[in-house]
Amino acid sequence: MSDRQTLVTTGIEDAIAVARELADDKDVVLMGGGVVTSALAAGLLDEVVLHQVPILLGGGRRFFQELPRHVSLRLREAVAAPGVTHLHYEVVR
């Protein structure tokens, strides 16, 4: 581990609290389906950004895991680009 990394092992709530403190007034970004799912379940995300590539796979793993309740998203922006569509959603509370 370097001075640019901080390890938090006490749960998603604590990890995000530490990240927000270290970020000062900057945005905190999460990556990875498990982490994002945990943060959504805890009600700690304001936005979700997805990058959709038009390929249908015959198998694989889901990005999001099971959530304890329905999460509503409101589309803020959709940007089409060659080979990808960038989708920016607001988490509705």
C-alpha atoms as a PDB file:
ATOM      1  CA  MET A   1       0.000   0.000   0.000  1.00  0.00           C
ATOM      2  CA  SER A   2       1.210   3.516  -0.744  1.00  0.00           C
ATOM      3  CA  ASP A   3       0.507   6.927   0.774  1.00  0.00           C
ATOM      4  CA  ARG A   4      -2.132   7.380  -1.975  1.00  0.00           C
ATOM      5  CA  GLN A   5      -4.157   4.409  -0.751  1.00  0.00           C
ATOM      6  CA  THR A   6      -6.314   3.939   2.326  1.00  0.00           C
ATOM      7  CA  LEU A   7      -7.646   0.525   3.316  1.00  0.00           C
ATOM      8  CA  VAL A   8     -11.026   0.444   5.074  1.00  0.00           C
ATOM      9  CA  THR A   9     -12.329  -2.983   6.106  1.00  0.00           C
ATOM     10  CA  THR A  10     -15.266  -2.007   8.324  1.00  0.00           C
ATOM     11  CA  GLY A  11     -17.959  -1.725   5.659  1.00  0.00           C
ATOM     12  CA  ILE A  12     -19.124   0.391   2.746  1.00  0.00           C
ATOM     13  CA  GLU A  13     -20.484   3.171   4.974  1.00  0.00           C
ATOM     14  CA  ASP A  14     -17.099   3.675   6.641  1.00  0.00           C
ATOM     15  CA  ALA A  15     -15.214   3.375   3.347  1.00  0.00           C
ATOM     16  CA  ILE A  16     -17.323   6.077   1.700  1.00  0.00           C
ATOM     17  CA  ALA A  17     -17.087   8.328   4.773  1.00  0.00           C
ATOM     18  CA  VAL A  18     -13.280   8.089   4.692  1.00  0.00           C
ATOM     19  CA  ALA A  19     -13.235   8.679   0.914  1.00  0.00           C
ATOM     20  CA  ARG A  20     -15.419  11.787   1.273  1.00  0.00           C
ATOM     21  CA  GLU A  21     -13.178  13.140   4.006  1.00  0.00           C
ATOM     22  CA  LEU A  22     -10.036  12.561   1.957  1.00  0.00           C
ATOM     23  CA  ALA A  23     -11.632  14.004  -1.197  1.00  0.00           C
ATOM     24  CA  ASP A  24     -12.378  17.301   0.564  1.00  0.00           C
ATOM     25  CA  ASP A  25     -14.858  18.992  -1.825  1.00  0.00           C
ATOM     26  CA  LYS A  26     -14.186  16.687  -4.794  1.00  0.00           C
ATOM     27  CA  ASP A  27     -16.420  13.900  -6.074  1.00  0.00           C
ATOM     28  CA  VAL A  28     -15.931  10.333  -4.868  1.00  0.00           C
ATOM     29  CA  VAL A  29     -16.171   7.666  -7.593  1.00  0.00           C
ATOM     30  CA  LEU A  30     -16.816   3.956  -7.013  1.00  0.00           C
ATOM     31  CA  MET A  31     -15.996   1.247  -9.527  1.00  0.00           C
ATOM     32  CA  GLY A  32     -17.039  -2.384  -9.580  1.00  0.00           C
ATOM     33  CA  GLY A  33     -20.406  -4.064  -9.376  1.00  0.00           C
ATOM     34  CA  GLY A  34     -20.052  -5.347  -5.820  1.00  0.00           C
ATOM     35  CA  VAL A  35     -18.996  -2.003  -4.375  1.00  0.00           C
ATOM     36  CA  VAL A  36     -21.632  -0.088  -6.357  1.00  0.00           C
ATOM     37  CA  THR A  37     -24.354  -2.562  -5.325  1.00  0.00           C
ATOM     38  CA  SER A  38     -23.370  -2.230  -1.646  1.00  0.00           C
ATOM     39  CA  ALA A  39     -23.412   1.569  -1.876  1.00  0.00           C
ATOM     40  CA  LEU A  40     -26.807   1.548  -3.635  1.00  0.00           C
ATOM     41  CA  ALA A  41     -28.241  -0.783  -0.979  1.00  0.00           C
ATOM     42  CA  ALA A  42     -26.960   1.553   1.749  1.00  0.00           C
ATOM     43  CA  GLY A  43     -28.465   4.611   0.024  1.00  0.00           C
ATOM     44  CA  LEU A  44     -25.056   6.247  -0.401  1.00  0.00           C
ATOM     45  CA  LEU A  45     -24.986   6.962  -4.153  1.00  0.00           C
ATOM     46  CA  ASP A  46     -26.299  10.077  -5.854  1.00  0.00           C
ATOM     47  CA  GLU A  47     -25.518   9.072  -9.437  1.00  0.00           C
ATOM     48  CA  VAL A  48     -24.781   6.016 -11.571  1.00  0.00           C
ATOM     49  CA  VAL A  49     -22.886   6.204 -14.854  1.00  0.00           C
ATOM     50  CA  LEU A  50     -23.048   3.208 -17.185  1.00  0.00           C
ATOM     51  CA  HIS A  51     -21.296   2.641 -20.492  1.00  0.00           C
ATOM     52  CA  GLN A  52     -23.383   0.382 -22.735  1.00  0.00           C
ATOM     53  CA  VAL A  53     -21.674  -1.514 -25.540  1.00  0.00           C
ATOM     54  CA  PRO A  54     -24.044  -3.134 -28.082  1.00  0.00           C
ATOM     55  CA  ILE A  55     -22.845  -6.735 -27.745  1.00  0.00           C
ATOM     56  CA  LEU A  56     -25.037  -9.589 -26.488  1.00  0.00           C
ATOM     57  CA  LEU A  57     -23.038 -12.125 -24.532  1.00  0.00           C
ATOM     58  CA  GLY A  58     -24.108 -15.740 -24.214  1.00  0.00           C
ATOM     59  CA  GLY A  59     -22.926 -15.885 -20.627  1.00  0.00           C
ATOM     60  CA  GLY A  60     -20.976 -14.081 -17.959  1.00  0.00           C
ATOM     61  CA  ARG A  61     -21.489 -12.435 -14.613  1.00  0.00           C
ATOM     62  CA  ARG A  62     -23.977  -9.722 -13.734  1.00  0.00           C
ATOM     63  CA  PHE A  63     -22.507  -6.325 -12.935  1.00  0.00           C
ATOM     64  CA  PHE A  64     -25.023  -5.529 -10.199  1.00  0.00           C
ATOM     65  CA  GLN A  65     -25.821  -8.012  -7.452  1.00  0.00           C
ATOM     66  CA  GLU A  66     -29.098  -8.534  -5.587  1.00  0.00           C
ATOM     67  CA  LEU A  67     -30.480  -5.382  -3.993  1.00  0.00           C
ATOM     68  CA  PRO A  68     -32.748  -5.438  -0.926  1.00  0.00           C
ATOM     69  CA  ARG A  69     -35.222  -3.112  -2.637  1.00  0.00           C
ATOM     70  CA  HIS A  70     -36.020  -1.465  -5.961  1.00  0.00           C
ATOM     71  CA  VAL A  71     -33.733   1.454  -6.877  1.00  0.00           C
ATOM     72  CA  SER A  72     -35.227   4.067  -9.208  1.00  0.00           C
ATOM     73  CA  LEU A  73     -32.962   5.922 -11.608  1.00  0.00           C
ATOM     74  CA  ARG A  74     -33.733   9.088 -13.589  1.00  0.00           C
ATOM     75  CA  LEU A  75     -31.860   9.534 -16.864  1.00  0.00           C
ATOM     76  CA  ARG A  76     -29.889  12.789 -16.838  1.00  0.00           C
ATOM     77  CA  GLU A  77     -27.888  12.341 -20.018  1.00  0.00           C
ATOM     78  CA  ALA A  78     -27.372   9.822 -22.822  1.00  0.00           C
ATOM     79  CA  VAL A  79     -24.416  10.332 -25.130  1.00  0.00           C
ATOM     80  CA  ALA A  80     -24.074   8.089 -28.168  1.00  0.00           C
ATOM     81  CA  ALA A  81     -20.558   7.497 -29.442  1.00  0.00           C
ATOM     82  CA  PRO A  82     -19.109   5.001 -31.913  1.00  0.00           C
ATOM     83  CA  GLY A  83     -19.505   1.570 -30.317  1.00  0.00           C
ATOM     84  CA  VAL A  84     -20.803   2.802 -26.938  1.00  0.00           C
ATOM     85  CA  THR A  85     -23.588   4.777 -25.293  1.00  0.00           C
ATOM     86  CA  HIS A  86     -22.767   6.651 -22.092  1.00  0.00           C
ATOM     87  CA  LEU A  87     -25.728   6.768 -19.691  1.00  0.00           C
ATOM     88  CA  HIS A  88     -25.737   9.127 -16.700  1.00  0.00           C
ATOM     89  CA  TYR A  89     -28.470   8.503 -14.114  1.00  0.00           C
ATOM     90  CA  GLU A  90     -29.544  10.244 -10.927  1.00  0.00           C
ATOM     91  CA  VAL A  91     -30.566   7.954  -8.052  1.00  0.00           C
ATOM     92  CA  VAL A  92     -34.147   8.879  -7.128  1.00  0.00           C
ATOM     93  CA  ARG A  93     -34.824   9.069  -3.416  1.00  0.00           C
END
